[in-house]
Amino acid sequence: HYRNIALYVLYQLVPLIFLVAFFVLESVLVLRVL
């Protein structure tokens, strides 16, 4: 199945984790700080 665990994690999962963390941190900043 063209399996590649390393690229799967790096391409499919890690950017998504970074993006979710960005939106959470910015939401807290806007709602709680500002």
ModelCIF file with pLDDT and N, C-alpha, C, O atoms, coordinates in Angstrom:
data_MODEL
#
_entry.id   MODEL 
#
_entity.id                         1 
_entity.type                       polymer 
_entity.pdbx_number_of_molecules   1 
#
_entity_poly.entity_id                      1 
_entity_poly.type                           'polypeptide(L)' 
_entity_poly.nstd_linkage                   no 
_entity_poly.nstd_monomer                   no 
_entity_poly.pdbx_seq_one_letter_code       HYRNIALYVLYQLVPLIFLVAFFVLESVLVLRVL 
_entity_poly.pdbx_seq_one_letter_code_can   HYRNIALYVLYQLVPLIFLVAFFVLESVLVLRVL 
_entity_poly.pdbx_strand_id                 A 
#
loop_
_entity_poly_seq.entity_id 
_entity_poly_seq.num 
_entity_poly_seq.mon_id 
_entity_poly_seq.hetero 
1 1  HIS n 
1 2  TYR n 
1 3  ARG n 
1 4  ASN n 
1 5  ILE n 
1 6  ALA n 
1 7  LEU n 
1 8  TYR n 
1 9  VAL n 
1 10 LEU n 
1 11 TYR n 
1 12 GLN n 
1 13 LEU n 
1 14 VAL n 
1 15 PRO n 
1 16 LEU n 
1 17 ILE n 
1 18 PHE n 
1 19 LEU n 
1 20 VAL n 
1 21 ALA n 
1 22 PHE n 
1 23 PHE n 
1 24 VAL n 
1 25 LEU n 
1 26 GLU n 
1 27 SER n 
1 28 VAL n 
1 29 LEU n 
1 30 VAL n 
1 31 LEU n 
1 32 ARG n 
1 33 VAL n 
1 34 LEU n 
#
_struct_asym.id          A 
_struct_asym.entity_id   1 
#
loop_
_ma_qa_metric.id 
_ma_qa_metric.mode 
_ma_qa_metric.name 
_ma_qa_metric.software_group_id 
_ma_qa_metric.type 
1 global pLDDT . pLDDT 
2 local  pLDDT . pLDDT 
#
_ma_qa_metric_global.metric_id      1 
_ma_qa_metric_global.metric_value   94.65 
_ma_qa_metric_global.model_id       1 
_ma_qa_metric_global.ordinal_id     1 
#
loop_
_ma_qa_metric_local.label_asym_id 
_ma_qa_metric_local.label_comp_id 
_ma_qa_metric_local.label_seq_id 
_ma_qa_metric_local.metric_id 
_ma_qa_metric_local.metric_value 
_ma_qa_metric_local.model_id 
_ma_qa_metric_local.ordinal_id 
A HIS 1  2 90.00 1 1  
A TYR 2  2 93.00 1 2  
A ARG 3  2 93.00 1 3  
A ASN 4  2 94.00 1 4  
A ILE 5  2 95.00 1 5  
A ALA 6  2 95.00 1 6  
A LEU 7  2 96.00 1 7  
A TYR 8  2 96.00 1 8  
A VAL 9  2 96.00 1 9  
A LEU 10 2 96.00 1 10 
A TYR 11 2 96.00 1 11 
A GLN 12 2 95.00 1 12 
A LEU 13 2 96.00 1 13 
A VAL 14 2 97.00 1 14 
A PRO 15 2 97.00 1 15 
A LEU 16 2 97.00 1 16 
A ILE 17 2 97.00 1 17 
A PHE 18 2 98.00 1 18 
A LEU 19 2 97.00 1 19 
A VAL 20 2 97.00 1 20 
A ALA 21 2 97.00 1 21 
A PHE 22 2 97.00 1 22 
A PHE 23 2 97.00 1 23 
A VAL 24 2 96.00 1 24 
A LEU 25 2 96.00 1 25 
A GLU 26 2 95.00 1 26 
A SER 27 2 95.00 1 27 
A VAL 28 2 94.00 1 28 
A LEU 29 2 92.00 1 29 
A VAL 30 2 93.00 1 30 
A LEU 31 2 93.00 1 31 
A ARG 32 2 90.00 1 32 
A VAL 33 2 87.00 1 33 
A LEU 34 2 85.00 1 34 
#
loop_
_atom_site.group_PDB 
_atom_site.id 
_atom_site.type_symbol 
_atom_site.label_atom_id 
_atom_site.label_alt_id 
_atom_site.label_comp_id 
_atom_site.label_asym_id 
_atom_site.label_entity_id 
_atom_site.label_seq_id 
_atom_site.pdbx_PDB_ins_code 
_atom_site.Cartn_x 
_atom_site.Cartn_y 
_atom_site.Cartn_z 
_atom_site.occupancy 
_atom_site.B_iso_or_equiv 
_atom_site.pdbx_formal_charge 
_atom_site.auth_seq_id 
_atom_site.auth_comp_id 
_atom_site.auth_asym_id 
_atom_site.auth_atom_id 
_atom_site.pdbx_PDB_model_num 
ATOM 1   N N  . HIS A 1 1  ? 0.816   -1.226 0.000  1.00 90.00 ? 1  HIS A N  1 
ATOM 2   C CA . HIS A 1 1  ? 0.000   0.000  0.000  1.00 90.00 ? 1  HIS A CA 1 
ATOM 3   C C  . HIS A 1 1  ? 0.845   1.269  0.000  1.00 90.00 ? 1  HIS A C  1 
ATOM 4   O O  . HIS A 1 1  ? 0.393   2.308  0.482  1.00 90.00 ? 1  HIS A O  1 
ATOM 5   N N  . TYR A 1 2  ? 2.058   1.203  -0.530 1.00 93.00 ? 2  TYR A N  1 
ATOM 6   C CA . TYR A 1 2  ? 2.965   2.359  -0.567 1.00 93.00 ? 2  TYR A CA 1 
ATOM 7   C C  . TYR A 1 2  ? 3.142   2.942  0.834  1.00 93.00 ? 2  TYR A C  1 
ATOM 8   O O  . TYR A 1 2  ? 3.160   4.159  1.020  1.00 93.00 ? 2  TYR A O  1 
ATOM 9   N N  . ARG A 1 3  ? 3.270   2.064  1.794  1.00 93.00 ? 3  ARG A N  1 
ATOM 10  C CA . ARG A 1 3  ? 3.355   2.514  3.190  1.00 93.00 ? 3  ARG A CA 1 
ATOM 11  C C  . ARG A 1 3  ? 4.672   3.229  3.447  1.00 93.00 ? 3  ARG A C  1 
ATOM 12  O O  . ARG A 1 3  ? 5.739   2.767  3.044  1.00 93.00 ? 3  ARG A O  1 
ATOM 13  N N  . ASN A 1 4  ? 4.574   4.361  4.124  1.00 94.00 ? 4  ASN A N  1 
ATOM 14  C CA . ASN A 1 4  ? 5.745   5.107  4.565  1.00 94.00 ? 4  ASN A CA 1 
ATOM 15  C C  . ASN A 1 4  ? 5.350   5.838  5.845  1.00 94.00 ? 4  ASN A C  1 
ATOM 16  O O  . ASN A 1 4  ? 4.763   6.919  5.806  1.00 94.00 ? 4  ASN A O  1 
ATOM 17  N N  . ILE A 1 5  ? 5.683   5.227  6.973  1.00 95.00 ? 5  ILE A N  1 
ATOM 18  C CA . ILE A 1 5  ? 5.259   5.766  8.263  1.00 95.00 ? 5  ILE A CA 1 
ATOM 19  C C  . ILE A 1 5  ? 5.839   7.156  8.492  1.00 95.00 ? 5  ILE A C  1 
ATOM 20  O O  . ILE A 1 5  ? 5.142   8.050  8.973  1.00 95.00 ? 5  ILE A O  1 
ATOM 21  N N  . ALA A 1 6  ? 7.113   7.340  8.150  1.00 95.00 ? 6  ALA A N  1 
ATOM 22  C CA . ALA A 1 6  ? 7.775   8.620  8.400  1.00 95.00 ? 6  ALA A CA 1 
ATOM 23  C C  . ALA A 1 6  ? 7.088   9.751  7.639  1.00 95.00 ? 6  ALA A C  1 
ATOM 24  O O  . ALA A 1 6  ? 6.776   10.787 8.226  1.00 95.00 ? 6  ALA A O  1 
ATOM 25  N N  . LEU A 1 7  ? 6.851   9.568  6.352  1.00 96.00 ? 7  LEU A N  1 
ATOM 26  C CA . LEU A 1 7  ? 6.207   10.611 5.564  1.00 96.00 ? 7  LEU A CA 1 
ATOM 27  C C  . LEU A 1 7  ? 4.737   10.787 5.949  1.00 96.00 ? 7  LEU A C  1 
ATOM 28  O O  . LEU A 1 7  ? 4.199   11.891 5.870  1.00 96.00 ? 7  LEU A O  1 
ATOM 29  N N  . TYR A 1 8  ? 4.106   9.722  6.357  1.00 96.00 ? 8  TYR A N  1 
ATOM 30  C CA . TYR A 1 8  ? 2.716   9.820  6.794  1.00 96.00 ? 8  TYR A CA 1 
ATOM 31  C C  . TYR A 1 8  ? 2.609   10.742 8.007  1.00 96.00 ? 8  TYR A C  1 
ATOM 32  O O  . TYR A 1 8  ? 1.749   11.621 8.069  1.00 96.00 ? 8  TYR A O  1 
ATOM 33  N N  . VAL A 1 9  ? 3.495   10.520 8.956  1.00 96.00 ? 9  VAL A N  1 
ATOM 34  C CA . VAL A 1 9  ? 3.490   11.361 10.164 1.00 96.00 ? 9  VAL A CA 1 
ATOM 35  C C  . VAL A 1 9  ? 3.866   12.798 9.825  1.00 96.00 ? 9  VAL A C  1 
ATOM 36  O O  . VAL A 1 9  ? 3.208   13.741 10.266 1.00 96.00 ? 9  VAL A O  1 
ATOM 37  N N  . LEU A 1 10 ? 4.928   12.960 9.039  1.00 96.00 ? 10 LEU A N  1 
ATOM 38  C CA . LEU A 1 10 ? 5.430   14.298 8.748  1.00 96.00 ? 10 LEU A CA 1 
ATOM 39  C C  . LEU A 1 10 ? 4.513   15.086 7.818  1.00 96.00 ? 10 LEU A C  1 
ATOM 40  O O  . LEU A 1 10 ? 4.371   16.299 7.974  1.00 96.00 ? 10 LEU A O  1 
ATOM 41  N N  . TYR A 1 11 ? 3.901   14.424 6.871  1.00 96.00 ? 11 TYR A N  1 
ATOM 42  C CA . TYR A 1 11 ? 3.077   15.129 5.878  1.00 96.00 ? 11 TYR A CA 1 
ATOM 43  C C  . TYR A 1 11 ? 1.609   15.221 6.277  1.00 96.00 ? 11 TYR A C  1 
ATOM 44  O O  . TYR A 1 11 ? 0.973   16.257 6.084  1.00 96.00 ? 11 TYR A O  1 
ATOM 45  N N  . GLN A 1 12 ? 1.073   14.137 6.832  1.00 95.00 ? 12 GLN A N  1 
ATOM 46  C CA . GLN A 1 12 ? -0.361  14.103 7.123  1.00 95.00 ? 12 GLN A CA 1 
ATOM 47  C C  . GLN A 1 12 ? -0.705  14.584 8.530  1.00 95.00 ? 12 GLN A C  1 
ATOM 48  O O  . GLN A 1 12 ? -1.748  15.209 8.724  1.00 95.00 ? 12 GLN A O  1 
ATOM 49  N N  . LEU A 1 13 ? 0.147   14.308 9.513  1.00 96.00 ? 13 LEU A N  1 
ATOM 50  C CA . LEU A 1 13 ? -0.226  14.547 10.907 1.00 96.00 ? 13 LEU A CA 1 
ATOM 51  C C  . LEU A 1 13 ? 0.423   15.782 11.519 1.00 96.00 ? 13 LEU A C  1 
ATOM 52  O O  . LEU A 1 13 ? -0.260  16.602 12.133 1.00 96.00 ? 13 LEU A O  1 
ATOM 53  N N  . VAL A 1 14 ? 1.736   15.919 11.357 1.00 97.00 ? 14 VAL A N  1 
ATOM 54  C CA . VAL A 1 14 ? 2.451   17.005 12.049 1.00 97.00 ? 14 VAL A CA 1 
ATOM 55  C C  . VAL A 1 14 ? 1.928   18.389 11.656 1.00 97.00 ? 14 VAL A C  1 
ATOM 56  O O  . VAL A 1 14 ? 1.676   19.199 12.549 1.00 97.00 ? 14 VAL A O  1 
ATOM 57  N N  . PRO A 1 15 ? 1.751   18.706 10.361 1.00 97.00 ? 15 PRO A N  1 
ATOM 58  C CA . PRO A 1 15 ? 1.206   20.029 10.026 1.00 97.00 ? 15 PRO A CA 1 
ATOM 59  C C  . PRO A 1 15 ? -0.171  20.268 10.649 1.00 97.00 ? 15 PRO A C  1 
ATOM 60  O O  . PRO A 1 15 ? -0.478  21.383 11.071 1.00 97.00 ? 15 PRO A O  1 
ATOM 61  N N  . LEU A 1 16 ? -0.991  19.232 10.707 1.00 97.00 ? 16 LEU A N  1 
ATOM 62  C CA . LEU A 1 16 ? -2.318  19.367 11.306 1.00 97.00 ? 16 LEU A CA 1 
ATOM 63  C C  . LEU A 1 16 ? -2.208  19.697 12.793 1.00 97.00 ? 16 LEU A C  1 
ATOM 64  O O  . LEU A 1 16 ? -2.953  20.533 13.305 1.00 97.00 ? 16 LEU A O  1 
ATOM 65  N N  . ILE A 1 17 ? -1.280  19.041 13.480 1.00 97.00 ? 17 ILE A N  1 
ATOM 66  C CA . ILE A 1 17 ? -1.062  19.325 14.903 1.00 97.00 ? 17 ILE A CA 1 
ATOM 67  C C  . ILE A 1 17 ? -0.610  20.772 15.097 1.00 97.00 ? 17 ILE A C  1 
ATOM 68  O O  . ILE A 1 17 ? -1.096  21.464 15.991 1.00 97.00 ? 17 ILE A O  1 
ATOM 69  N N  . PHE A 1 18 ? 0.311   21.221 14.265 1.00 98.00 ? 18 PHE A N  1 
ATOM 70  C CA . PHE A 1 18 ? 0.786   22.603 14.360 1.00 98.00 ? 18 PHE A CA 1 
ATOM 71  C C  . PHE A 1 18 ? -0.352  23.591 14.128 1.00 98.00 ? 18 PHE A C  1 
ATOM 72  O O  . PHE A 1 18 ? -0.463  24.593 14.835 1.00 98.00 ? 18 PHE A O  1 
ATOM 73  N N  . LEU A 1 19 ? -1.198  23.307 13.136 1.00 97.00 ? 19 LEU A N  1 
ATOM 74  C CA . LEU A 1 19 ? -2.296  24.217 12.813 1.00 97.00 ? 19 LEU A CA 1 
ATOM 75  C C  . LEU A 1 19 ? -3.331  24.270 13.935 1.00 97.00 ? 19 LEU A C  1 
ATOM 76  O O  . LEU A 1 19 ? -3.809  25.349 14.287 1.00 97.00 ? 19 LEU A O  1 
ATOM 77  N N  . VAL A 1 20 ? -3.675  23.120 14.494 1.00 97.00 ? 20 VAL A N  1 
ATOM 78  C CA . VAL A 1 20 ? -4.640  23.094 15.597 1.00 97.00 ? 20 VAL A CA 1 
ATOM 79  C C  . VAL A 1 20 ? -4.083  23.858 16.792 1.00 97.00 ? 20 VAL A C  1 
ATOM 80  O O  . VAL A 1 20 ? -4.805  24.619 17.436 1.00 97.00 ? 20 VAL A O  1 
ATOM 81  N N  . ALA A 1 21 ? -2.796  23.657 17.092 1.00 97.00 ? 21 ALA A N  1 
ATOM 82  C CA . ALA A 1 21 ? -2.177  24.375 18.205 1.00 97.00 ? 21 ALA A CA 1 
ATOM 83  C C  . ALA A 1 21 ? -2.184  25.881 17.961 1.00 97.00 ? 21 ALA A C  1 
ATOM 84  O O  . ALA A 1 21 ? -2.398  26.662 18.888 1.00 97.00 ? 21 ALA A O  1 
ATOM 85  N N  . PHE A 1 22 ? -1.949  26.291 16.702 1.00 97.00 ? 22 PHE A N  1 
ATOM 86  C CA . PHE A 1 22 ? -1.986  27.714 16.361 1.00 97.00 ? 22 PHE A CA 1 
ATOM 87  C C  . PHE A 1 22 ? -3.362  28.304 16.644 1.00 97.00 ? 22 PHE A C  1 
ATOM 88  O O  . PHE A 1 22 ? -3.470  29.350 17.285 1.00 97.00 ? 22 PHE A O  1 
ATOM 89  N N  . PHE A 1 23 ? -4.413  27.639 16.172 1.00 97.00 ? 23 PHE A N  1 
ATOM 90  C CA . PHE A 1 23 ? -5.760  28.160 16.358 1.00 97.00 ? 23 PHE A CA 1 
ATOM 91  C C  . PHE A 1 23 ? -6.154  28.183 17.832 1.00 97.00 ? 23 PHE A C  1 
ATOM 92  O O  . PHE A 1 23 ? -6.845  29.104 18.269 1.00 97.00 ? 23 PHE A O  1 
ATOM 93  N N  . VAL A 1 24 ? -5.728  27.190 18.599 1.00 96.00 ? 24 VAL A N  1 
ATOM 94  C CA . VAL A 1 24 ? -6.049  27.170 20.034 1.00 96.00 ? 24 VAL A CA 1 
ATOM 95  C C  . VAL A 1 24 ? -5.349  28.319 20.753 1.00 96.00 ? 24 VAL A C  1 
ATOM 96  O O  . VAL A 1 24 ? -5.976  29.045 21.524 1.00 96.00 ? 24 VAL A O  1 
ATOM 97  N N  . LEU A 1 25 ? -4.055  28.484 20.504 1.00 96.00 ? 25 LEU A N  1 
ATOM 98  C CA . LEU A 1 25 ? -3.298  29.547 21.168 1.00 96.00 ? 25 LEU A CA 1 
ATOM 99  C C  . LEU A 1 25 ? -3.831  30.928 20.802 1.00 96.00 ? 25 LEU A C  1 
ATOM 100 O O  . LEU A 1 25 ? -3.944  31.798 21.665 1.00 96.00 ? 25 LEU A O  1 
ATOM 101 N N  . GLU A 1 26 ? -4.158  31.133 19.527 1.00 95.00 ? 26 GLU A N  1 
ATOM 102 C CA . GLU A 1 26 ? -4.670  32.432 19.109 1.00 95.00 ? 26 GLU A CA 1 
ATOM 103 C C  . GLU A 1 26 ? -6.061  32.682 19.681 1.00 95.00 ? 26 GLU A C  1 
ATOM 104 O O  . GLU A 1 26 ? -6.395  33.819 20.014 1.00 95.00 ? 26 GLU A O  1 
ATOM 105 N N  . SER A 1 27 ? -6.865  31.649 19.798 1.00 95.00 ? 27 SER A N  1 
ATOM 106 C CA . SER A 1 27 ? -8.198  31.813 20.379 1.00 95.00 ? 27 SER A CA 1 
ATOM 107 C C  . SER A 1 27 ? -8.101  32.228 21.846 1.00 95.00 ? 27 SER A C  1 
ATOM 108 O O  . SER A 1 27 ? -8.825  33.116 22.295 1.00 95.00 ? 27 SER A O  1 
ATOM 109 N N  . VAL A 1 28 ? -7.210  31.587 22.580 1.00 94.00 ? 28 VAL A N  1 
ATOM 110 C CA . VAL A 1 28 ? -7.008  31.955 23.986 1.00 94.00 ? 28 VAL A CA 1 
ATOM 111 C C  . VAL A 1 28 ? -6.518  33.391 24.091 1.00 94.00 ? 28 VAL A C  1 
ATOM 112 O O  . VAL A 1 28 ? -6.973  34.145 24.950 1.00 94.00 ? 28 VAL A O  1 
ATOM 113 N N  . LEU A 1 29 ? -5.600  33.765 23.227 1.00 92.00 ? 29 LEU A N  1 
ATOM 114 C CA . LEU A 1 29 ? -5.054  35.124 23.240 1.00 92.00 ? 29 LEU A CA 1 
ATOM 115 C C  . LEU A 1 29 ? -6.154  36.160 23.009 1.00 92.00 ? 29 LEU A C  1 
ATOM 116 O O  . LEU A 1 29 ? -6.233  37.158 23.725 1.00 92.00 ? 29 LEU A O  1 
ATOM 117 N N  . VAL A 1 30 ? -6.994  35.921 22.015 1.00 93.00 ? 30 VAL A N  1 
ATOM 118 C CA . VAL A 1 30 ? -8.031  36.892 21.664 1.00 93.00 ? 30 VAL A CA 1 
ATOM 119 C C  . VAL A 1 30 ? -9.114  36.959 22.737 1.00 93.00 ? 30 VAL A C  1 
ATOM 120 O O  . VAL A 1 30 ? -9.525  38.047 23.142 1.00 93.00 ? 30 VAL A O  1 
ATOM 121 N N  . LEU A 1 31 ? -9.575  35.796 23.195 1.00 93.00 ? 31 LEU A N  1 
ATOM 122 C CA . LEU A 1 31 ? -10.713 35.776 24.112 1.00 93.00 ? 31 LEU A CA 1 
ATOM 123 C C  . LEU A 1 31 ? -10.324 36.074 25.557 1.00 93.00 ? 31 LEU A C  1 
ATOM 124 O O  . LEU A 1 31 ? -11.067 36.741 26.277 1.00 93.00 ? 31 LEU A O  1 
ATOM 125 N N  . ARG A 1 32 ? -9.157  35.579 25.983 1.00 90.00 ? 32 ARG A N  1 
ATOM 126 C CA . ARG A 1 32 ? -8.768  35.735 27.381 1.00 90.00 ? 32 ARG A CA 1 
ATOM 127 C C  . ARG A 1 32 ? -7.879  36.939 27.629 1.00 90.00 ? 32 ARG A C  1 
ATOM 128 O O  . ARG A 1 32 ? -8.003  37.588 28.667 1.00 90.00 ? 32 ARG A O  1 
ATOM 129 N N  . VAL A 1 33 ? -6.991  37.251 26.706 1.00 87.00 ? 33 VAL A N  1 
ATOM 130 C CA . VAL A 1 33 ? -6.050  38.357 26.908 1.00 87.00 ? 33 VAL A CA 1 
ATOM 131 C C  . VAL A 1 33 ? -6.618  39.664 26.367 1.00 87.00 ? 33 VAL A C  1 
ATOM 132 O O  . VAL A 1 33 ? -6.665  40.669 27.075 1.00 87.00 ? 33 VAL A O  1 
ATOM 133 N N  . LEU A 1 34 ? -7.050  39.643 25.098 1.00 85.00 ? 34 LEU A N  1 
ATOM 134 C CA . LEU A 1 34 ? -7.594  40.860 24.504 1.00 85.00 ? 34 LEU A CA 1 
ATOM 135 C C  . LEU A 1 34 ? -9.056  41.087 24.884 1.00 85.00 ? 34 LEU A C  1 
ATOM 136 O O  . LEU A 1 34 ? -9.658  42.074 24.461 1.00 85.00 ? 34 LEU A O  1 
#
